[in-house]
Amino acid sequence: MSFAPITDPWFYAVAIPAVLLMGISKSGFGSGFGALAVPMMALAVTVPQAAAIMMPLLLVMDILGMAALRRDVDWRLFRFLVPFALLGTLIGTLLFRWVDPRLVAGLVGLLTLLFLAQRLLFPPRPDAPPPPRWVGGILTVTSGFTSFIAHAGGPPLNAYVIPLKLRPVVFTATMAFLFFVVNLSKWVPYAWLGLFDWRNFATSLVLIPFAPLGVWAGVALARRIQPVLFYRMVYLGMFLTGVKLVWDGWFG
């Protein structure tokens, strides 16, 4: 078993921007862009290998985001979301060997684009009530599942959380803490499924210095940006993610 990291320059040409993009997304700013990270990295390695390399980096990014945003979490929303997200990762564990990640990516992308189309064509009234909690439960289970299969948990969850109209920093903080729990829950199942090896881990260590850069930039922006612009960036990230995932799922 090799302990040496990947040395292919093309891999790092796509992996470093992918890590920076994921870091910005983990901060909440541009949420949704992070789902592009694994597909970008998969231009040079397989999707399972890209997902495995990203795992240690996600842990570092989550911890940095939590440290910066610990005073801004909506703990009531967090406590509601966690059990459903963990149920989704459990379902992902049980179905991982039988589910085609490309099919999951395509479905996530399609649902993301449908959500955005609904928001554009039928914009909600300013006094519209928040979505029912049962809708939040279903979307959060879906988020946990798609996060496990393809590190693409953001778009389904955004479809529930965006209509709650949280302040940008509260949105950012709550998502940071939630996905820390989700990503931590993947470690044992990923090891059980044989997705980790020392070469991938060594490659993660090479990329770790880039992890804080995107997180710090995103946190700084999330604290200063106006809510309207923040959510426009979220929508843009979701749109690009949706298009990319549909392309990878159906035509890739």
Protein backbone atom coordinates (compact mmCIF):
# COMPACT_ATOMS: atom_id res chain seq x y z
CA MET A 1 0.00 0.00 0.00
CA SER A 2 1.46 3.36 -1.06
CA PHE A 3 1.86 6.18 1.47
CA ALA A 4 2.91 8.64 -1.26
CA PRO A 5 0.40 11.29 -2.37
CA ILE A 6 -0.80 11.75 -5.93
CA THR A 7 1.89 13.53 -7.97
CA ASP A 8 -0.02 14.23 -11.21
CA PRO A 9 0.10 18.04 -11.84
CA TRP A 10 -3.27 17.91 -13.63
CA PHE A 11 -4.88 16.52 -10.47
CA TYR A 12 -3.69 19.51 -8.42
CA ALA A 13 -4.69 21.93 -11.17
CA VAL A 14 -8.31 20.90 -10.62
CA ALA A 15 -8.09 19.85 -6.95
CA ILE A 16 -6.80 23.13 -5.51
CA PRO A 17 -9.63 25.26 -7.02
CA ALA A 18 -12.08 22.56 -5.90
CA VAL A 19 -10.83 22.79 -2.31
CA LEU A 20 -11.02 26.59 -2.32
CA LEU A 21 -14.55 26.43 -3.73
CA MET A 22 -15.61 23.94 -1.09
CA GLY A 23 -14.11 26.15 1.63
CA ILE A 24 -16.10 29.18 0.47
CA SER A 25 -19.24 27.05 0.31
CA LYS A 26 -18.62 25.62 3.81
CA SER A 27 -18.62 29.16 5.15
CA GLY A 28 -22.15 29.58 3.81
CA PHE A 29 -21.25 32.24 1.28
CA GLY A 30 -22.02 30.87 -2.16
CA SER A 31 -23.64 27.84 -0.57
CA GLY A 32 -24.16 25.21 -3.23
CA PHE A 33 -20.87 25.80 -5.02
CA GLY A 34 -19.31 23.11 -2.83
CA ALA A 35 -21.23 20.40 -4.64
CA LEU A 36 -19.06 21.20 -7.67
CA ALA A 37 -15.87 20.20 -5.82
CA VAL A 38 -16.08 16.42 -6.22
CA PRO A 39 -17.08 16.61 -9.92
CA MET A 40 -14.15 18.99 -10.53
CA MET A 41 -11.72 16.66 -8.77
CA ALA A 42 -13.22 13.73 -10.67
CA LEU A 43 -11.80 15.22 -13.86
CA ALA A 44 -8.49 13.69 -12.72
CA VAL A 45 -9.48 10.75 -10.46
CA THR A 46 -12.53 8.54 -9.94
CA VAL A 47 -15.57 9.91 -8.09
CA PRO A 48 -15.14 7.56 -5.05
CA GLN A 49 -11.46 8.54 -4.79
CA ALA A 50 -12.33 12.24 -5.03
CA ALA A 51 -14.95 11.82 -2.29
CA ALA A 52 -12.44 10.00 -0.06
CA ILE A 53 -9.74 12.65 -0.56
CA MET A 54 -12.25 15.38 0.30
CA MET A 55 -13.30 13.80 3.62
CA PRO A 56 -10.37 14.98 5.82
CA LEU A 57 -10.55 18.39 4.15
CA LEU A 58 -14.25 18.67 4.99
CA LEU A 59 -13.48 17.95 8.64
CA VAL A 60 -10.89 20.75 8.77
CA MET A 61 -13.23 23.18 7.00
CA ASP A 62 -16.12 22.30 9.31
CA ILE A 63 -14.03 22.89 12.44
CA LEU A 64 -12.77 26.25 11.15
CA GLY A 65 -16.30 27.34 10.23
CA MET A 66 -17.66 26.28 13.61
CA ALA A 67 -14.93 28.13 15.50
CA ALA A 68 -15.70 31.35 13.61
CA LEU A 69 -19.49 31.12 13.81
CA ARG A 70 -20.28 29.35 17.10
CA ARG A 71 -22.22 32.33 18.51
CA ASP A 72 -24.58 32.62 15.55
CA VAL A 73 -26.18 29.16 15.33
CA ASP A 74 -29.96 28.73 15.31
CA TRP A 75 -29.88 25.86 17.82
CA ARG A 76 -33.60 25.14 17.56
CA LEU A 77 -33.32 24.60 13.81
CA PHE A 78 -30.09 22.63 14.27
CA ARG A 79 -31.71 20.21 16.76
CA PHE A 80 -34.61 19.67 14.36
CA LEU A 81 -32.38 18.95 11.34
CA VAL A 82 -29.73 16.65 12.86
CA PRO A 83 -31.79 13.44 13.30
CA PHE A 84 -33.15 13.61 9.76
CA ALA A 85 -29.69 14.28 8.30
CA LEU A 86 -28.22 11.29 10.15
CA LEU A 87 -31.08 9.10 8.92
CA GLY A 88 -30.11 10.15 5.40
CA THR A 89 -26.47 9.13 5.93
CA LEU A 90 -27.62 5.77 7.30
CA ILE A 91 -29.71 5.20 4.16
CA GLY A 92 -26.71 6.24 2.06
CA THR A 93 -24.52 3.70 3.88
CA LEU A 94 -26.97 0.86 3.26
CA LEU A 95 -27.55 1.71 -0.41
CA PHE A 96 -24.07 2.91 -1.42
CA ARG A 97 -23.03 -0.28 -3.22
CA TRP A 98 -26.33 -0.51 -5.13
CA VAL A 99 -26.87 3.11 -6.11
CA ASP A 100 -25.16 4.72 -9.09
CA PRO A 101 -23.68 8.03 -7.83
CA ARG A 102 -24.24 9.54 -11.29
CA LEU A 103 -27.96 8.82 -11.06
CA VAL A 104 -28.09 10.44 -7.61
CA ALA A 105 -26.17 13.46 -8.91
CA GLY A 106 -28.55 13.81 -11.85
CA LEU A 107 -31.63 13.66 -9.63
CA VAL A 108 -30.19 16.16 -7.14
CA GLY A 109 -29.37 18.52 -10.00
CA LEU A 110 -32.85 18.19 -11.51
CA LEU A 111 -34.58 18.85 -8.18
CA THR A 112 -32.31 21.84 -7.58
CA LEU A 113 -33.20 23.38 -10.93
CA LEU A 114 -36.91 22.72 -10.35
CA PHE A 115 -36.71 24.48 -6.98
CA LEU A 116 -35.01 27.49 -8.55
CA ALA A 117 -37.55 27.59 -11.38
CA GLN A 118 -40.37 27.55 -8.85
CA ARG A 119 -38.78 30.43 -6.91
CA LEU A 120 -38.30 32.43 -10.13
CA LEU A 121 -41.69 31.78 -11.75
CA PHE A 122 -43.74 31.86 -8.55
CA PRO A 123 -41.83 34.06 -6.11
CA PRO A 124 -43.07 33.75 -2.54
CA ARG A 125 -44.94 36.60 -0.92
CA PRO A 126 -43.00 38.53 1.71
CA ASP A 127 -45.47 37.29 4.35
CA ALA A 128 -45.45 33.68 3.11
CA PRO A 129 -45.27 31.15 5.96
CA PRO A 130 -42.21 28.89 6.27
CA PRO A 131 -42.40 25.41 4.72
CA PRO A 132 -44.04 22.71 6.86
CA ARG A 133 -41.69 20.81 9.13
CA TRP A 134 -42.49 17.51 7.40
CA VAL A 135 -41.13 19.02 4.17
CA GLY A 136 -38.00 19.99 6.08
CA GLY A 137 -37.67 16.44 7.39
CA ILE A 138 -37.90 14.89 3.92
CA LEU A 139 -35.47 17.37 2.37
CA THR A 140 -33.00 16.93 5.23
CA VAL A 141 -33.06 13.13 4.91
CA THR A 142 -32.44 13.64 1.19
CA SER A 143 -29.58 15.99 2.02
CA GLY A 144 -27.92 13.44 4.32
CA PHE A 145 -28.28 10.76 1.65
CA THR A 146 -26.88 12.85 -1.21
CA SER A 147 -24.11 14.14 1.03
CA PHE A 148 -23.04 10.57 1.75
CA ILE A 149 -23.21 9.42 -1.87
CA ALA A 150 -21.72 12.44 -3.62
CA HIS A 151 -20.90 15.22 -1.06
CA ALA A 152 -23.89 17.08 -2.56
CA GLY A 153 -26.02 17.65 0.52
CA GLY A 154 -26.36 21.42 0.17
CA PRO A 155 -28.99 21.81 -2.58
CA PRO A 156 -31.79 19.69 -1.01
CA LEU A 157 -31.30 21.34 2.38
CA ASN A 158 -31.19 24.82 0.87
CA ALA A 159 -34.63 24.20 -0.62
CA TYR A 160 -35.97 24.06 2.96
CA VAL A 161 -33.73 26.55 4.75
CA ILE A 162 -33.76 29.40 2.21
CA PRO A 163 -37.51 30.08 2.65
CA LEU A 164 -36.91 30.43 6.41
CA LYS A 165 -35.25 33.79 5.62
CA LEU A 166 -32.45 33.49 8.16
CA ARG A 167 -29.87 36.23 8.46
CA PRO A 168 -26.81 35.31 6.33
CA VAL A 169 -24.53 34.71 9.31
CA VAL A 170 -27.18 32.54 11.05
CA PHE A 171 -27.71 30.55 7.85
CA THR A 172 -23.94 30.11 7.55
CA ALA A 173 -23.40 29.09 11.18
CA THR A 174 -26.26 26.60 11.33
CA MET A 175 -25.19 24.88 8.12
CA ALA A 176 -21.57 24.73 9.33
CA PHE A 177 -22.55 22.92 12.53
CA LEU A 178 -25.03 20.62 10.81
CA PHE A 179 -22.62 19.46 8.11
CA PHE A 180 -19.90 18.94 10.71
CA VAL A 181 -22.15 16.31 12.31
CA VAL A 182 -23.10 14.87 8.91
CA ASN A 183 -19.51 14.64 7.68
CA LEU A 184 -18.28 13.19 10.97
CA SER A 185 -20.95 10.48 10.71
CA LYS A 186 -19.50 9.37 7.34
CA TRP A 187 -16.06 8.34 8.60
CA VAL A 188 -16.86 4.88 9.94
CA PRO A 189 -19.17 3.94 7.02
CA TYR A 190 -16.58 5.17 4.48
CA ALA A 191 -13.92 3.03 6.17
CA TRP A 192 -16.30 0.05 6.26
CA LEU A 193 -16.99 0.49 2.54
CA GLY A 194 -13.25 0.52 1.80
CA LEU A 195 -13.15 4.08 0.47
CA PHE A 196 -10.10 5.14 2.50
CA ASP A 197 -6.50 4.29 1.72
CA TRP A 198 -3.19 5.81 2.71
CA ARG A 199 -2.50 7.32 -0.71
CA ASN A 200 -5.77 9.26 -0.60
CA PHE A 201 -5.04 10.36 2.97
CA ALA A 202 -1.54 11.54 2.02
CA THR A 203 -3.06 13.52 -0.85
CA SER A 204 -5.53 15.11 1.57
CA LEU A 205 -2.62 16.23 3.74
CA VAL A 206 -1.00 17.94 0.74
CA LEU A 207 -4.24 19.84 0.06
CA ILE A 208 -5.03 20.77 3.68
CA PRO A 209 -3.15 24.13 3.62
CA PHE A 210 -5.66 25.35 1.04
CA ALA A 211 -8.68 24.44 3.17
CA PRO A 212 -8.62 27.49 5.51
CA LEU A 213 -8.30 30.04 2.72
CA GLY A 214 -11.76 29.54 1.26
CA VAL A 215 -13.40 29.24 4.70
CA TRP A 216 -11.86 32.48 6.01
CA ALA A 217 -12.79 34.37 2.85
CA GLY A 218 -16.34 33.06 2.92
CA VAL A 219 -16.89 33.80 6.62
CA ALA A 220 -15.65 37.37 6.18
CA LEU A 221 -18.04 37.90 3.27
CA ALA A 222 -20.99 36.28 5.07
CA ARG A 223 -20.62 38.72 7.99
CA ARG A 224 -20.56 41.78 5.73
CA ILE A 225 -22.78 40.99 2.76
CA GLN A 226 -26.35 42.26 2.45
CA PRO A 227 -29.02 39.51 2.73
CA VAL A 228 -30.40 40.14 -0.77
CA LEU A 229 -26.99 39.73 -2.38
CA PHE A 230 -26.18 36.76 -0.14
CA TYR A 231 -29.21 34.81 -1.27
CA ARG A 232 -28.62 35.75 -4.89
CA MET A 233 -25.19 34.17 -4.56
CA VAL A 234 -26.80 31.11 -2.97
CA TYR A 235 -29.19 30.87 -5.92
CA LEU A 236 -26.31 31.25 -8.38
CA GLY A 237 -24.37 28.51 -6.64
CA MET A 238 -27.41 26.24 -6.68
CA PHE A 239 -28.02 26.93 -10.37
CA LEU A 240 -24.44 26.13 -11.41
CA THR A 241 -24.47 23.08 -9.16
CA GLY A 242 -27.78 21.91 -10.60
CA VAL A 243 -26.57 22.26 -14.19
CA LYS A 244 -23.29 20.48 -13.43
CA LEU A 245 -24.97 17.62 -11.56
CA VAL A 246 -27.58 17.11 -14.29
CA TRP A 247 -24.83 17.04 -16.91
CA ASP A 248 -22.74 14.56 -14.89
CA GLY A 249 -25.76 12.40 -14.05
CA TRP A 250 -27.37 12.17 -17.47
CA PHE A 251 -24.64 12.93 -19.99
CA GLY A 252 -21.34 12.40 -18.15
